Amino acid sequence: VAALPELTALQIGGSVTQLDLSPLAGRDNLTAFFLTKRALEGDTDLTPLKSHANLKQATLPKLREGELRPLLESWPNLQYLNVWGGPVTTDDLAGLATRTLKVLVLNPDEPIDDFSPLAGQKELFRVQTGTLTETGLKSLVESVPGLRKLFFYAGDIADFTPLLSLEKLEMVYTSGGRLLTLRETLKDTDVAVNDPSKF
């Protein structure tokens, strides 16, 4: 990293035993950072990423409690966020309040029921999340009325009617045992349901 002062994108994949991000501290050149796995041993410290205020895209795995919001508050230009695993709370989402997010991918350990901090995200058009509850679905729809693409695990959702209020919705992809109910709810709309050609 020290030998690449103009580096703007960094992707780290595969399995590593130890991962030291400290060479990134104090720099601000990254616009994209993708980490698919944390180190197998020790604690991968993500705080060196806070200095990268120009970051527009971030993929982060297995976050720890309280780790996400300080990072989000350090990235005012964030447009794409992908978080796989770990706790993600409504308070964490509040760190996105002033961002111009376009794509949000969340797969937290526990479902999120309150998406109200996303209400200011006027450019957010695609959300992919793990399990959604009925409460979470309603909150997401109310908070992001401009949503065009939605991917989620339906879990125990029996009522998909909140989706009917999304006037710009183009495509919904879901897994779980509620696909027939979802299709029936959206049968009189132009929304593509589980159609891979619309991804």
C-alpha atoms as a PDB file:
ATOM      1  CA  VAL A   1       0.000   0.000   0.000  1.00  0.00           C
ATOM      2  CA  ALA A   2       2.815   2.407   0.839  1.00  0.00           C
ATOM      3  CA  ALA A   3       4.263   1.838  -2.629  1.00  0.00           C
ATOM      4  CA  LEU A   4       0.933   2.709  -4.291  1.00  0.00           C
ATOM      5  CA  PRO A   5       0.096   6.282  -3.283  1.00  0.00           C
ATOM      6  CA  GLU A   6      -2.447   6.643  -6.101  1.00  0.00           C
ATOM      7  CA  LEU A   7      -4.353   3.482  -5.157  1.00  0.00           C
ATOM      8  CA  THR A   8      -8.110   4.187  -5.272  1.00  0.00           C
ATOM      9  CA  ALA A   9      -9.660   0.704  -5.025  1.00  0.00           C
ATOM     10  CA  LEU A  10      -8.662  -2.193  -2.797  1.00  0.00           C
ATOM     11  CA  GLN A  11     -10.235  -5.639  -2.749  1.00  0.00           C
ATOM     12  CA  ILE A  12      -9.108  -8.275  -0.256  1.00  0.00           C
ATOM     13  CA  GLY A  13     -10.559 -11.758  -0.632  1.00  0.00           C
ATOM     14  CA  GLY A  14      -9.821 -15.319   0.366  1.00  0.00           C
ATOM     15  CA  SER A  15      -8.727 -16.423   3.807  1.00  0.00           C
ATOM     16  CA  VAL A  16      -5.939 -14.619   5.603  1.00  0.00           C
ATOM     17  CA  THR A  17      -4.515 -15.430   9.016  1.00  0.00           C
ATOM     18  CA  GLN A  18      -3.768 -11.844   9.971  1.00  0.00           C
ATOM     19  CA  LEU A  19      -4.778  -8.609   8.310  1.00  0.00           C
ATOM     20  CA  ASP A  20      -3.233  -5.272   9.218  1.00  0.00           C
ATOM     21  CA  LEU A  21      -4.949  -2.252   7.675  1.00  0.00           C
ATOM     22  CA  SER A  22      -2.864   0.299   9.578  1.00  0.00           C
ATOM     23  CA  PRO A  23      -0.954   1.404   6.419  1.00  0.00           C
ATOM     24  CA  LEU A  24      -4.270   2.883   5.234  1.00  0.00           C
ATOM     25  CA  ALA A  25      -4.565   5.189   8.257  1.00  0.00           C
ATOM     26  CA  GLY A  26      -4.224   8.897   7.616  1.00  0.00           C
ATOM     27  CA  ARG A  27      -4.680   8.518   3.878  1.00  0.00           C
ATOM     28  CA  ASP A  28      -7.706   9.562   1.840  1.00  0.00           C
ATOM     29  CA  ASN A  29      -7.126   8.077  -1.595  1.00  0.00           C
ATOM     30  CA  LEU A  30      -9.544   5.111  -1.529  1.00  0.00           C
ATOM     31  CA  THR A  31     -12.905   5.402  -3.267  1.00  0.00           C
ATOM     32  CA  ALA A  32     -13.683   1.666  -3.083  1.00  0.00           C
ATOM     33  CA  PHE A  33     -12.851  -0.919  -0.433  1.00  0.00           C
ATOM     34  CA  PHE A  34     -14.021  -4.530  -0.550  1.00  0.00           C
ATOM     35  CA  LEU A  35     -13.186  -6.960   2.250  1.00  0.00           C
ATOM     36  CA  THR A  36     -14.860 -10.344   1.917  1.00  0.00           C
ATOM     37  CA  LYS A  37     -13.443 -12.027   5.038  1.00  0.00           C
ATOM     38  CA  ARG A  38     -11.883 -10.885   8.261  1.00  0.00           C
ATOM     39  CA  ALA A  39      -8.629 -12.402   9.473  1.00  0.00           C
ATOM     40  CA  LEU A  40      -8.821 -15.892  10.894  1.00  0.00           C
ATOM     41  CA  GLU A  41      -6.702 -14.887  13.884  1.00  0.00           C
ATOM     42  CA  GLY A  42      -6.620 -11.684  15.839  1.00  0.00           C
ATOM     43  CA  ASP A  43      -8.828  -8.652  15.428  1.00  0.00           C
ATOM     44  CA  THR A  44      -8.982  -6.941  12.049  1.00  0.00           C
ATOM     45  CA  ASP A  45      -9.095  -3.273  12.978  1.00  0.00           C
ATOM     46  CA  LEU A  46     -11.189  -1.315  10.480  1.00  0.00           C
ATOM     47  CA  THR A  47     -10.604   2.123  12.025  1.00  0.00           C
ATOM     48  CA  PRO A  48      -7.769   2.979   9.572  1.00  0.00           C
ATOM     49  CA  LEU A  49     -10.522   3.245   6.933  1.00  0.00           C
ATOM     50  CA  LYS A  50     -12.084   6.232   8.694  1.00  0.00           C
ATOM     51  CA  SER A  51      -9.660   8.676   7.078  1.00  0.00           C
ATOM     52  CA  HIS A  52     -10.902   7.771   3.585  1.00  0.00           C
ATOM     53  CA  ALA A  53     -13.639  10.393   3.313  1.00  0.00           C
ATOM     54  CA  ASN A  54     -13.870   9.920  -0.458  1.00  0.00           C
ATOM     55  CA  LEU A  55     -15.002   6.309  -0.135  1.00  0.00           C
ATOM     56  CA  LYS A  56     -18.012   5.635  -2.366  1.00  0.00           C
ATOM     57  CA  GLN A  57     -18.189   1.839  -2.190  1.00  0.00           C
ATOM     58  CA  ALA A  58     -17.608  -0.442   0.787  1.00  0.00           C
ATOM     59  CA  THR A  59     -18.062  -4.156   1.463  1.00  0.00           C
ATOM     60  CA  LEU A  60     -17.537  -5.191   5.079  1.00  0.00           C
ATOM     61  CA  PRO A  61     -17.863  -8.651   6.664  1.00  0.00           C
ATOM     62  CA  LYS A  62     -18.690  -9.821  10.188  1.00  0.00           C
ATOM     63  CA  LEU A  63     -18.867  -6.448  11.865  1.00  0.00           C
ATOM     64  CA  ARG A  64     -18.757  -6.227  15.618  1.00  0.00           C
ATOM     65  CA  GLU A  65     -21.173  -4.349  17.835  1.00  0.00           C
ATOM     66  CA  GLY A  66     -20.653  -0.602  17.622  1.00  0.00           C
ATOM     67  CA  GLU A  67     -18.211  -0.856  14.723  1.00  0.00           C
ATOM     68  CA  LEU A  68     -20.380   0.238  11.791  1.00  0.00           C
ATOM     69  CA  ARG A  69     -21.715   3.685  12.656  1.00  0.00           C
ATOM     70  CA  PRO A  70     -18.322   5.384  13.267  1.00  0.00           C
ATOM     71  CA  LEU A  71     -17.206   4.160   9.854  1.00  0.00           C
ATOM     72  CA  LEU A  72     -20.377   5.389   8.132  1.00  0.00           C
ATOM     73  CA  GLU A  73     -20.070   8.799   9.739  1.00  0.00           C
ATOM     74  CA  SER A  74     -16.558   9.065   8.280  1.00  0.00           C
ATOM     75  CA  TRP A  75     -17.685   8.401   4.693  1.00  0.00           C
ATOM     76  CA  PRO A  76     -19.862  11.325   3.536  1.00  0.00           C
ATOM     77  CA  ASN A  77     -19.728  10.275  -0.139  1.00  0.00           C
ATOM     78  CA  LEU A  78     -20.810   6.657   0.317  1.00  0.00           C
ATOM     79  CA  GLN A  79     -23.085   5.364  -2.460  1.00  0.00           C
ATOM     80  CA  TYR A  80     -22.802   1.575  -2.132  1.00  0.00           C
ATOM     81  CA  LEU A  81     -22.710  -0.300   1.151  1.00  0.00           C
ATOM     82  CA  ASN A  82     -22.569  -4.074   1.558  1.00  0.00           C
ATOM     83  CA  VAL A  83     -22.493  -5.511   5.092  1.00  0.00           C
ATOM     84  CA  TRP A  84     -22.415  -9.284   5.562  1.00  0.00           C
ATOM     85  CA  GLY A  85     -22.928 -10.617   9.062  1.00  0.00           C
ATOM     86  CA  GLY A  86     -22.619  -9.159  12.490  1.00  0.00           C
ATOM     87  CA  PRO A  87     -25.009  -6.857  14.318  1.00  0.00           C
ATOM     88  CA  VAL A  88     -26.579  -3.997  12.344  1.00  0.00           C
ATOM     89  CA  THR A  89     -28.988  -1.792  14.262  1.00  0.00           C
ATOM     90  CA  THR A  90     -31.320   1.100  13.535  1.00  0.00           C
ATOM     91  CA  ASP A  91     -28.778   3.308  15.299  1.00  0.00           C
ATOM     92  CA  ASP A  92     -26.121   2.123  12.836  1.00  0.00           C
ATOM     93  CA  LEU A  93     -28.383   3.065   9.931  1.00  0.00           C
ATOM     94  CA  ALA A  94     -28.666   6.559  11.396  1.00  0.00           C
ATOM     95  CA  GLY A  95     -25.034   6.988  10.349  1.00  0.00           C
ATOM     96  CA  LEU A  96     -26.302   7.027   6.755  1.00  0.00           C
ATOM     97  CA  ALA A  97     -28.757   9.883   7.313  1.00  0.00           C
ATOM     98  CA  THR A  98     -26.871  12.497   5.305  1.00  0.00           C
ATOM     99  CA  ARG A  99     -25.431  10.196   2.652  1.00  0.00           C
ATOM    100  CA  THR A 100     -26.501   9.853  -0.997  1.00  0.00           C
ATOM    101  CA  LEU A 101     -26.715   6.085  -0.893  1.00  0.00           C
ATOM    102  CA  LYS A 102     -27.844   4.280  -4.046  1.00  0.00           C
ATOM    103  CA  VAL A 103     -27.411   0.592  -3.180  1.00  0.00           C
ATOM    104  CA  LEU A 104     -27.680  -1.006   0.255  1.00  0.00           C
ATOM    105  CA  VAL A 105     -26.939  -4.685   0.922  1.00  0.00           C
ATOM    106  CA  LEU A 106     -27.477  -5.849   4.503  1.00  0.00           C
ATOM    107  CA  ASN A 107     -27.303  -9.360   5.884  1.00  0.00           C
ATOM    108  CA  PRO A 108     -27.213  -8.807   9.637  1.00  0.00           C
ATOM    109  CA  ASP A 109     -27.362 -11.532  12.255  1.00  0.00           C
ATOM    110  CA  GLU A 110     -30.834 -10.372  13.309  1.00  0.00           C
ATOM    111  CA  PRO A 111     -33.631  -8.806  11.202  1.00  0.00           C
ATOM    112  CA  ILE A 112     -34.014  -5.030  11.264  1.00  0.00           C
ATOM    113  CA  ASP A 113     -37.536  -3.808  12.029  1.00  0.00           C
ATOM    114  CA  ASP A 114     -36.946  -0.050  11.828  1.00  0.00           C
ATOM    115  CA  PHE A 115     -35.548   1.433   8.622  1.00  0.00           C
ATOM    116  CA  SER A 116     -36.673   5.001   9.371  1.00  0.00           C
ATOM    117  CA  PRO A 117     -33.095   6.411   9.312  1.00  0.00           C
ATOM    118  CA  LEU A 118     -33.118   5.725   5.557  1.00  0.00           C
ATOM    119  CA  ALA A 119     -35.954   8.208   5.006  1.00  0.00           C
ATOM    120  CA  GLY A 120     -33.549  10.861   3.761  1.00  0.00           C
ATOM    121  CA  GLN A 121     -32.066   8.591   1.101  1.00  0.00           C
ATOM    122  CA  LYS A 122     -33.719  10.040  -2.002  1.00  0.00           C
ATOM    123  CA  GLU A 123     -31.364   8.253  -4.424  1.00  0.00           C
ATOM    124  CA  LEU A 124     -31.539   4.811  -2.811  1.00  0.00           C
ATOM    125  CA  PHE A 125     -33.049   2.546  -5.468  1.00  0.00           C
ATOM    126  CA  ARG A 126     -31.891  -0.965  -4.571  1.00  0.00           C
ATOM    127  CA  VAL A 127     -32.007  -2.759  -1.226  1.00  0.00           C
ATOM    128  CA  GLN A 128     -30.957  -6.327  -0.569  1.00  0.00           C
ATOM    129  CA  THR A 129     -31.420  -7.698   2.898  1.00  0.00           C
ATOM    130  CA  GLY A 130     -31.578 -10.954   4.766  1.00  0.00           C
ATOM    131  CA  THR A 131     -34.751 -11.905   6.591  1.00  0.00           C
ATOM    132  CA  LEU A 132     -37.444  -9.245   6.661  1.00  0.00           C
ATOM    133  CA  THR A 133     -40.298  -9.265   9.128  1.00  0.00           C
ATOM    134  CA  GLU A 134     -43.693  -7.762   8.318  1.00  0.00           C
ATOM    135  CA  THR A 135     -42.798  -4.814  10.542  1.00  0.00           C
ATOM    136  CA  GLY A 136     -39.471  -4.417   8.759  1.00  0.00           C
ATOM    137  CA  LEU A 137     -41.085  -4.594   5.312  1.00  0.00           C
ATOM    138  CA  LYS A 138     -43.606  -1.916   6.205  1.00  0.00           C
ATOM    139  CA  SER A 139     -40.903   0.319   7.679  1.00  0.00           C
ATOM    140  CA  LEU A 140     -38.648  -0.123   4.642  1.00  0.00           C
ATOM    141  CA  VAL A 141     -41.451   0.732   2.220  1.00  0.00           C
ATOM    142  CA  GLU A 142     -42.440   3.823   4.212  1.00  0.00           C
ATOM    143  CA  SER A 143     -38.838   4.967   4.564  1.00  0.00           C
ATOM    144  CA  VAL A 144     -37.688   4.413   0.967  1.00  0.00           C
ATOM    145  CA  PRO A 145     -40.706   5.181  -1.282  1.00  0.00           C
ATOM    146  CA  GLY A 146     -38.463   5.503  -4.352  1.00  0.00           C
ATOM    147  CA  LEU A 147     -37.290   1.884  -4.140  1.00  0.00           C
ATOM    148  CA  ARG A 148     -37.035   0.193  -7.555  1.00  0.00           C
ATOM    149  CA  LYS A 149     -35.369  -3.145  -6.727  1.00  0.00           C
ATOM    150  CA  LEU A 150     -35.814  -5.229  -3.583  1.00  0.00           C
ATOM    151  CA  PHE A 151     -34.161  -8.532  -2.647  1.00  0.00           C
ATOM    152  CA  PHE A 152     -35.023 -10.239   0.644  1.00  0.00           C
ATOM    153  CA  TYR A 153     -35.795 -13.465   2.470  1.00  0.00           C
ATOM    154  CA  ALA A 154     -39.532 -13.475   3.165  1.00  0.00           C
ATOM    155  CA  GLY A 155     -39.440 -15.546   6.337  1.00  0.00           C
ATOM    156  CA  ASP A 156     -42.869 -15.460   7.969  1.00  0.00           C
ATOM    157  CA  ILE A 157     -44.284 -12.513   6.019  1.00  0.00           C
ATOM    158  CA  ALA A 158     -47.924 -13.128   5.100  1.00  0.00           C
ATOM    159  CA  ASP A 159     -48.881  -9.601   4.020  1.00  0.00           C
ATOM    160  CA  PHE A 160     -47.007  -8.098   1.083  1.00  0.00           C
ATOM    161  CA  THR A 161     -49.540  -5.331   0.383  1.00  0.00           C
ATOM    162  CA  PRO A 162     -47.165  -2.560   1.605  1.00  0.00           C
ATOM    163  CA  LEU A 163     -45.219  -3.169  -1.634  1.00  0.00           C
ATOM    164  CA  LEU A 164     -48.181  -1.854  -3.618  1.00  0.00           C
ATOM    165  CA  SER A 165     -47.402   1.671  -2.429  1.00  0.00           C
ATOM    166  CA  LEU A 166     -43.987   1.645  -4.128  1.00  0.00           C
ATOM    167  CA  GLU A 167     -44.822   3.410  -7.373  1.00  0.00           C
ATOM    168  CA  LYS A 168     -41.354   2.984  -8.869  1.00  0.00           C
ATOM    169  CA  LEU A 169     -40.902  -0.681  -7.936  1.00  0.00           C
ATOM    170  CA  GLU A 170     -39.661  -2.660 -10.938  1.00  0.00           C
ATOM    171  CA  MET A 171     -38.475  -5.936  -9.495  1.00  0.00           C
ATOM    172  CA  VAL A 172     -38.729  -8.042  -6.353  1.00  0.00           C
ATOM    173  CA  TYR A 173     -36.688 -11.145  -5.665  1.00  0.00           C
ATOM    174  CA  THR A 174     -37.380 -13.252  -2.627  1.00  0.00           C
ATOM    175  CA  SER A 175     -36.633 -16.631  -1.156  1.00  0.00           C
ATOM    176  CA  GLY A 176     -38.545 -18.474   1.496  1.00  0.00           C
ATOM    177  CA  GLY A 177     -41.945 -20.111   1.406  1.00  0.00           C
ATOM    178  CA  ARG A 178     -44.048 -17.060   0.513  1.00  0.00           C
ATOM    179  CA  LEU A 179     -43.384 -16.701  -3.198  1.00  0.00           C
ATOM    180  CA  LEU A 180     -46.952 -17.620  -4.252  1.00  0.00           C
ATOM    181  CA  THR A 181     -48.398 -15.065  -1.838  1.00  0.00           C
ATOM    182  CA  LEU A 182     -46.040 -12.406  -3.189  1.00  0.00           C
ATOM    183  CA  ARG A 183     -46.966 -13.215  -6.796  1.00  0.00           C
ATOM    184  CA  GLU A 184     -50.660 -13.032  -5.957  1.00  0.00           C
ATOM    185  CA  THR A 185     -50.237  -9.657  -4.257  1.00  0.00           C
ATOM    186  CA  LEU A 186     -48.398  -8.154  -7.231  1.00  0.00           C
ATOM    187  CA  LYS A 187     -50.362  -9.883 -10.016  1.00  0.00           C
ATOM    188  CA  ASP A 188     -51.989  -6.669 -11.247  1.00  0.00           C
ATOM    189  CA  THR A 189     -48.748  -4.686 -11.345  1.00  0.00           C
ATOM    190  CA  ASP A 190     -45.829  -4.530 -13.760  1.00  0.00           C
ATOM    191  CA  VAL A 191     -43.404  -5.631 -11.063  1.00  0.00           C
ATOM    192  CA  ALA A 192     -41.155  -8.537 -12.056  1.00  0.00           C
ATOM    193  CA  VAL A 193     -41.160 -11.220  -9.372  1.00  0.00           C
ATOM    194  CA  ASN A 194     -38.122 -13.523  -9.146  1.00  0.00           C
ATOM    195  CA  ASP A 195     -37.252 -12.895 -12.791  1.00  0.00           C
ATOM    196  CA  PRO A 196     -33.446 -13.265 -13.224  1.00  0.00           C
ATOM    197  CA  SER A 197     -33.580 -11.411 -16.557  1.00  0.00           C
ATOM    198  CA  LYS A 198     -34.565  -8.247 -14.663  1.00  0.00           C
ATOM    199  CA  PHE A 199     -31.633  -8.238 -12.252  1.00  0.00           C
END
